[in-house]
PDB file of N, CA and C in Angstrom:
ATOM      1  N   MET A   1      24.137  78.243  66.546  1.00  0.00           N
ATOM      2  CA  MET A   1      24.028  79.477  67.281  1.00  0.00           C
ATOM      3  C   MET A   1      24.447  80.658  66.414  1.00  0.00           C
ATOM      4  N   ALA A   2      23.960  80.656  65.212  1.00  0.00           N
ATOM      5  CA  ALA A   2      24.344  81.717  64.287  1.00  0.00           C
ATOM      6  C   ALA A   2      23.793  83.068  64.724  1.00  0.00           C
ATOM      7  N   GLY A   3      22.616  83.101  65.315  1.00  0.00           N
ATOM      8  CA  GLY A   3      22.015  84.362  65.704  1.00  0.00           C
ATOM      9  C   GLY A   3      22.620  84.966  66.961  1.00  0.00           C
ATOM     10  N   ILE A   4      23.154  84.144  67.840  1.00  0.00           N
ATOM     11  CA  ILE A   4      23.691  84.645  69.105  1.00  0.00           C
ATOM     12  C   ILE A   4      25.059  85.276  68.914  1.00  0.00           C
ATOM     13  N   GLY A   5      25.863  84.709  68.081  1.00  0.00           N
ATOM     14  CA  GLY A   5      27.215  85.194  67.898  1.00  0.00           C
ATOM     15  C   GLY A   5      28.186  84.459  68.805  1.00  0.00           C
ATOM     16  N   ARG A   6      29.456  84.622  68.498  1.00  0.00           N
ATOM     17  CA  ARG A   6      30.474  83.869  69.228  1.00  0.00           C
ATOM     18  C   ARG A   6      30.549  84.273  70.695  1.00  0.00           C
ATOM     19  N   TRP A   7      30.530  85.543  71.005  1.00  0.00           N
ATOM     20  CA  TRP A   7      30.679  85.986  72.399  1.00  0.00           C
ATOM     21  C   TRP A   7      29.405  85.768  73.196  1.00  0.00           C
ATOM     22  N   GLY A   8      28.263  85.852  72.550  1.00  0.00           N
ATOM     23  CA  GLY A   8      27.008  85.600  73.241  1.00  0.00           C
ATOM     24  C   GLY A   8      26.888  84.154  73.685  1.00  0.00           C
ATOM     25  N   ALA A   9      27.323  83.234  72.830  1.00  0.00           N
ATOM     26  CA  ALA A   9      27.288  81.811  73.178  1.00  0.00           C
ATOM     27  C   ALA A   9      28.259  81.515  74.318  1.00  0.00           C
ATOM     28  N   ARG A  10      29.409  82.132  74.284  1.00  0.00           N
ATOM     29  CA  ARG A  10      30.378  81.923  75.366  1.00  0.00           C
ATOM     30  C   ARG A  10      29.868  82.510  76.678  1.00  0.00           C
ATOM     31  N   GLY A  11      29.220  83.657  76.603  1.00  0.00           N
ATOM     32  CA  GLY A  11      28.649  84.270  77.801  1.00  0.00           C
ATOM     33  C   GLY A  11      27.539  83.419  78.393  1.00  0.00           C
ATOM     34  N   ALA A  12      26.703  82.853  77.534  1.00  0.00           N
ATOM     35  CA  ALA A  12      25.634  81.973  78.006  1.00  0.00           C
ATOM     36  C   ALA A  12      26.214  80.722  78.653  1.00  0.00           C
ATOM     37  N   ALA A  13      27.229  80.145  78.041  1.00  0.00           N
ATOM     38  CA  ALA A  13      27.864  78.953  78.615  1.00  0.00           C
ATOM     39  C   ALA A  13      28.526  79.286  79.951  1.00  0.00           C
ATOM     40  N   LEU A  14      29.170  80.428  80.035  1.00  0.00           N
ATOM     41  CA  LEU A  14      29.799  80.842  81.287  1.00  0.00           C
ATOM     42  C   LEU A  14      28.750  81.071  82.374  1.00  0.00           C
ATOM     43  N   GLY A  15      27.666  81.743  82.026  1.00  0.00           N
ATOM     44  CA  GLY A  15      26.597  81.999  82.988  1.00  0.00           C
ATOM     45  C   GLY A  15      25.960  80.712  83.494  1.00  0.00           C
ATOM     46  N   LEU A  16      25.695  79.772  82.600  1.00  0.00           N
ATOM     47  CA  LEU A  16      25.121  78.496  83.018  1.00  0.00           C
ATOM     48  C   LEU A  16      26.101  77.678  83.850  1.00  0.00           C
ATOM     49  N   GLY A  17      27.378  77.787  83.522  1.00  0.00           N
ATOM     50  CA  GLY A  17      28.390  77.094  84.321  1.00  0.00           C
ATOM     51  C   GLY A  17      28.476  77.644  85.732  1.00  0.00           C
ATOM     52  N   VAL A  18      28.407  78.957  85.848  1.00  0.00           N
ATOM     53  CA  VAL A  18      28.420  79.589  87.181  1.00  0.00           C
ATOM     54  C   VAL A  18      27.173  79.194  87.965  1.00  0.00           C
ATOM     55  N   LEU A  19      26.042  79.169  87.300  1.00  0.00           N
ATOM     56  CA  LEU A  19      24.803  78.749  87.949  1.00  0.00           C
ATOM     57  C   LEU A  19      24.913  77.312  88.460  1.00  0.00           C
ATOM     58  N   TRP A  20      25.499  76.429  87.642  1.00  0.00           N
ATOM     59  CA  TRP A  20      25.659  75.031  88.051  1.00  0.00           C
ATOM     60  C   TRP A  20      26.588  74.925  89.260  1.00  0.00           C
ATOM     61  N   TRP A  21      27.720  75.627  89.224  1.00  0.00           N
ATOM     62  CA  TRP A  21      28.655  75.559  90.351  1.00  0.00           C
ATOM     63  C   TRP A  21      28.028  76.085  91.640  1.00  0.00           C
ATOM     64  N   CYS A  22      27.274  77.181  91.538  1.00  0.00           N
ATOM     65  CA  CYS A  22      26.599  77.720  92.733  1.00  0.00           C
ATOM     66  C   CYS A  22      25.618  76.712  93.303  1.00  0.00           C
ATOM     67  N   ALA A  23      24.864  76.050  92.433  1.00  0.00           N
ATOM     68  CA  ALA A  23      23.903  75.052  92.905  1.00  0.00           C
ATOM     69  C   ALA A  23      24.619  73.860  93.526  1.00  0.00           C
ATOM     70  N   ALA A  24      25.719  73.417  92.910  1.00  0.00           N
ATOM     71  CA  ALA A  24      26.446  72.264  93.435  1.00  0.00           C
ATOM     72  C   ALA A  24      27.081  72.576  94.796  1.00  0.00           C
ATOM     73  N   VAL A  25      27.669  73.761  94.927  1.00  0.00           N
ATOM     74  CA  VAL A  25      28.290  74.146  96.199  1.00  0.00           C
ATOM     75  C   VAL A  25      27.225  74.333  97.267  1.00  0.00           C
ATOM     76  N   ARG A  26      26.129  74.977  96.924  1.00  0.00           N
ATOM     77  CA  ARG A  26      25.046  75.167  97.895  1.00  0.00           C
ATOM     78  C   ARG A  26      24.470  73.819  98.333  1.00  0.00           C
ATOM     79  N   LEU A  27      24.339  72.897  97.414  1.00  0.00           N
ATOM     80  CA  LEU A  27      23.822  71.568  97.738  1.00  0.00           C
ATOM     81  C   LEU A  27      24.767  70.828  98.681  1.00  0.00           C
ATOM     82  N   ALA A  28      26.063  71.039  98.512  1.00  0.00           N
ATOM     83  CA  ALA A  28      27.042  70.342  99.350  1.00  0.00           C
ATOM     84  C   ALA A  28      27.231  71.010 100.708  1.00  0.00           C
ATOM     85  N   VAL A  29      27.040  72.326 100.809  1.00  0.00           N
ATOM     86  CA  VAL A  29      27.402  73.052 102.024  1.00  0.00           C
ATOM     87  C   VAL A  29      26.193  73.417 102.888  1.00  0.00           C
ATOM     88  N   VAL A  30      25.129  73.866 102.271  1.00  0.00           N
ATOM     89  CA  VAL A  30      23.982  74.383 103.016  1.00  0.00           C
ATOM     90  C   VAL A  30      23.006  73.250 103.346  1.00  0.00           C
ATOM     91  N   PRO A  31      22.712  73.047 104.615  1.00  0.00           N
ATOM     92  CA  PRO A  31      21.792  71.962 104.974  1.00  0.00           C
ATOM     93  C   PRO A  31      20.358  72.176 104.470  1.00  0.00           C
ATOM     94  N   GLU A  32      19.947  73.431 104.259  1.00  0.00           N
ATOM     95  CA  GLU A  32      18.586  73.707 103.823  1.00  0.00           C
ATOM     96  C   GLU A  32      18.421  73.689 102.309  1.00  0.00           C
ATOM     97  N   ALA A  33      19.456  73.315 101.565  1.00  0.00           N
ATOM     98  CA  ALA A  33      19.355  73.286 100.109  1.00  0.00           C
ATOM     99  C   ALA A  33      18.281  72.284  99.706  1.00  0.00           C
ATOM    100  N   GLY A  34      17.531  72.637  98.687  1.00  0.00           N
ATOM    101  CA  GLY A  34      16.371  71.821  98.351  1.00  0.00           C
ATOM    102  C   GLY A  34      16.400  71.231  96.956  1.00  0.00           C
ATOM    103  N   MET A  35      15.204  71.010  96.449  1.00  0.00           N
ATOM    104  CA  MET A  35      15.027  70.339  95.176  1.00  0.00           C
ATOM    105  C   MET A  35      15.513  71.172  93.986  1.00  0.00           C
ATOM    106  N   LEU A  36      15.422  72.484  94.068  1.00  0.00           N
ATOM    107  CA  LEU A  36      15.870  73.326  92.959  1.00  0.00           C
ATOM    108  C   LEU A  36      17.369  73.168  92.728  1.00  0.00           C
ATOM    109  N   GLU A  37      18.141  73.236  93.793  1.00  0.00           N
ATOM    110  CA  GLU A  37      19.585  73.064  93.670  1.00  0.00           C
ATOM    111  C   GLU A  37      19.929  71.668  93.153  1.00  0.00           C
ATOM    112  N   ALA A  38      19.222  70.668  93.655  1.00  0.00           N
ATOM    113  CA  ALA A  38      19.468  69.299  93.205  1.00  0.00           C
ATOM    114  C   ALA A  38      19.138  69.137  91.719  1.00  0.00           C
ATOM    115  N   ALA A  39      18.047  69.761  91.279  1.00  0.00           N
ATOM    116  CA  ALA A  39      17.661  69.662  89.874  1.00  0.00           C
ATOM    117  C   ALA A  39      18.663  70.363  88.966  1.00  0.00           C
ATOM    118  N   VAL A  40      19.136  71.530  89.381  1.00  0.00           N
ATOM    119  CA  VAL A  40      20.122  72.260  88.580  1.00  0.00           C
ATOM    120  C   VAL A  40      21.428  71.478  88.512  1.00  0.00           C
ATOM    121  N   ALA A  41      21.875  70.939  89.646  1.00  0.00           N
ATOM    122  CA  ALA A  41      23.121  70.180  89.664  1.00  0.00           C
ATOM    123  C   ALA A  41      23.007  68.907  88.834  1.00  0.00           C
ATOM    124  N   ALA A  42      21.914  68.185  88.950  1.00  0.00           N
ATOM    125  CA  ALA A  42      21.737  66.949  88.178  1.00  0.00           C
ATOM    126  C   ALA A  42      21.591  67.252  86.692  1.00  0.00           C
ATOM    127  N   GLY A  43      20.870  68.304  86.359  1.00  0.00           N
ATOM    128  CA  GLY A  43      20.711  68.671  84.955  1.00  0.00           C
ATOM    129  C   GLY A  43      22.018  69.101  84.315  1.00  0.00           C
ATOM    130  N   GLY A  44      22.815  69.868  85.031  1.00  0.00           N
ATOM    131  CA  GLY A  44      24.114  70.283  84.502  1.00  0.00           C
ATOM    132  C   GLY A  44      25.057  69.116  84.323  1.00  0.00           C
ATOM    133  N   TRP A  45      25.028  68.181  85.257  1.00  0.00           N
ATOM    134  CA  TRP A  45      25.880  66.997  85.116  1.00  0.00           C
ATOM    135  C   TRP A  45      25.408  66.169  83.931  1.00  0.00           C
ATOM    136  N   GLY A  46      24.107  66.039  83.785  1.00  0.00           N
ATOM    137  CA  GLY A  46      23.575  65.266  82.663  1.00  0.00           C
ATOM    138  C   GLY A  46      23.971  65.865  81.330  1.00  0.00           C
ATOM    139  N   LEU A  47      23.968  67.176  81.219  1.00  0.00           N
ATOM    140  CA  LEU A  47      24.392  67.818  79.975  1.00  0.00           C
ATOM    141  C   LEU A  47      25.880  67.642  79.724  1.00  0.00           C
ATOM    142  N   SER A  48      26.656  67.546  80.788  1.00  0.00           N
ATOM    143  CA  SER A  48      28.101  67.432  80.601  1.00  0.00           C
ATOM    144  C   SER A  48      28.519  66.087  80.050  1.00  0.00           C
ATOM    145  N   VAL A  49      27.690  65.067  80.191  1.00  0.00           N
ATOM    146  CA  VAL A  49      28.071  63.751  79.674  1.00  0.00           C
ATOM    147  C   VAL A  49      27.505  63.483  78.283  1.00  0.00           C
ATOM    148  N   LEU A  50      26.785  64.442  77.697  1.00  0.00           N
ATOM    149  CA  LEU A  50      26.295  64.266  76.334  1.00  0.00           C
ATOM    150  C   LEU A  50      27.459  64.357  75.352  1.00  0.00           C
ATOM    151  N   PRO A  51      27.517  63.465  74.392  1.00  0.00           N
ATOM    152  CA  PRO A  51      28.604  63.522  73.397  1.00  0.00           C
ATOM    153  C   PRO A  51      28.288  64.503  72.275  1.00  0.00           C
ATOM    154  N   VAL A  52      28.277  65.791  72.574  1.00  0.00           N
ATOM    155  CA  VAL A  52      27.865  66.792  71.594  1.00  0.00           C
ATOM    156  C   VAL A  52      28.914  67.054  70.518  1.00  0.00           C
ATOM    157  N   HIS A  53      30.125  66.641  70.728  1.00  0.00           N
ATOM    158  CA  HIS A  53      31.169  66.895  69.745  1.00  0.00           C
ATOM    159  C   HIS A  53      31.484  65.669  68.909  1.00  0.00           C
ATOM    160  N   CYS A  54      30.703  64.616  69.018  1.00  0.00           N
ATOM    161  CA  CYS A  54      30.931  63.404  68.249  1.00  0.00           C
ATOM    162  C   CYS A  54      30.257  63.530  66.885  1.00  0.00           C
ATOM    163  N   VAL A  55      30.987  63.184  65.856  1.00  0.00           N
ATOM    164  CA  VAL A  55      30.444  63.161  64.505  1.00  0.00           C
ATOM    165  C   VAL A  55      30.855  61.849  63.859  1.00  0.00           C
ATOM    166  N   PRO A  56      30.122  61.404  62.843  1.00  0.00           N
ATOM    167  CA  PRO A  56      30.548  60.200  62.140  1.00  0.00           C
ATOM    168  C   PRO A  56      31.941  60.369  61.566  1.00  0.00           C
ATOM    169  N   LYS A  57      32.672  59.283  61.486  1.00  0.00           N
ATOM    170  CA  LYS A  57      34.068  59.341  61.061  1.00  0.00           C
ATOM    171  C   LYS A  57      34.214  59.940  59.661  1.00  0.00           C
ATOM    172  N   ALA A  58      33.253  59.676  58.787  1.00  0.00           N
ATOM    173  CA  ALA A  58      33.334  60.195  57.422  1.00  0.00           C
ATOM    174  C   ALA A  58      33.189  61.716  57.378  1.00  0.00           C
ATOM    175  N   GLN A  59      32.511  62.317  58.364  1.00  0.00           N
ATOM    176  CA  GLN A  59      32.301  63.761  58.368  1.00  0.00           C
ATOM    177  C   GLN A  59      33.345  64.509  59.182  1.00  0.00           C
ATOM    178  N   ALA A  60      34.163  63.810  59.932  1.00  0.00           N
ATOM    179  CA  ALA A  60      35.148  64.460  60.788  1.00  0.00           C
ATOM    180  C   ALA A  60      36.227  65.113  59.933  1.00  0.00           C
ATOM    181  N   GLY A  61      36.687  66.277  60.381  1.00  0.00           N
ATOM    182  CA  GLY A  61      37.756  66.959  59.673  1.00  0.00           C
ATOM    183  C   GLY A  61      39.047  66.151  59.747  1.00  0.00           C
ATOM    184  N   GLY A  62      39.683  65.929  58.612  1.00  0.00           N
ATOM    185  CA  GLY A  62      40.913  65.146  58.587  1.00  0.00           C
ATOM    186  C   GLY A  62      40.684  63.667  58.790  1.00  0.00           C
ATOM    187  N   ALA A  63      39.490  63.194  58.467  1.00  0.00           N
ATOM    188  CA  ALA A  63      39.169  61.782  58.681  1.00  0.00           C
ATOM    189  C   ALA A  63      39.949  60.913  57.708  1.00  0.00           C
ATOM    190  N   HIS A  64      40.336  59.761  58.182  1.00  0.00           N
ATOM    191  CA  HIS A  64      41.026  58.786  57.352  1.00  0.00           C
ATOM    192  C   HIS A  64      39.996  57.877  56.724  1.00  0.00           C
ATOM    193  N   GLY A  65      40.370  57.241  55.644  1.00  0.00           N
ATOM    194  CA  GLY A  65      39.472  56.311  54.977  1.00  0.00           C
ATOM    195  C   GLY A  65      39.244  55.056  55.812  1.00  0.00           C
ATOM    196  N   ALA A  66      38.348  54.217  55.344  1.00  0.00           N
ATOM    197  CA  ALA A  66      38.000  53.013  56.075  1.00  0.00           C
ATOM    198  C   ALA A  66      39.032  51.906  55.899  1.00  0.00           C
ATOM    199  N   GLY A  67      39.989  52.088  55.018  1.00  0.00           N
ATOM    200  CA  GLY A  67      40.984  51.045  54.753  1.00  0.00           C
ATOM    201  C   GLY A  67      41.962  50.888  55.911  1.00  0.00           C
ATOM    202  N   PRO A  68      42.937  49.995  55.734  1.00  0.00           N
ATOM    203  CA  PRO A  68      43.923  49.781  56.800  1.00  0.00           C
ATOM    204  C   PRO A  68      44.794  51.012  57.019  1.00  0.00           C
ATOM    205  N   ARG A  69      45.199  51.191  58.245  1.00  0.00           N
ATOM    206  CA  ARG A  69      46.031  52.352  58.577  1.00  0.00           C
ATOM    207  C   ARG A  69      47.480  52.076  58.207  1.00  0.00           C
ATOM    208  N   ARG A  70      48.105  53.107  57.735  1.00  0.00           N
ATOM    209  CA  ARG A  70      49.536  53.013  57.436  1.00  0.00           C
ATOM    210  C   ARG A  70      50.269  53.948  58.373  1.00  0.00           C
ATOM    211  N   GLY A  71      51.195  53.415  59.124  1.00  0.00           N
ATOM    212  CA  GLY A  71      51.873  54.123  60.185  1.00  0.00           C
ATOM    213  C   GLY A  71      52.801  55.147  59.755  1.00  0.00           C
TER     214      GLY A  71
END
């Protein structure tokens, strides 16, 4: 997200989070809530379980070698 900048990315994440919460609350409270709210809620939950911060151990900052650990 080099082009968006640090605050733009945070604003986008905040906006999408608010959108997800509104859809989830509307789906739980309003009897007439439909497929759009369900799709937004399911899509947001699906994105939340993606392991986006996982990297191979060799590339992780402060990674230890593959040898035995010393306490």
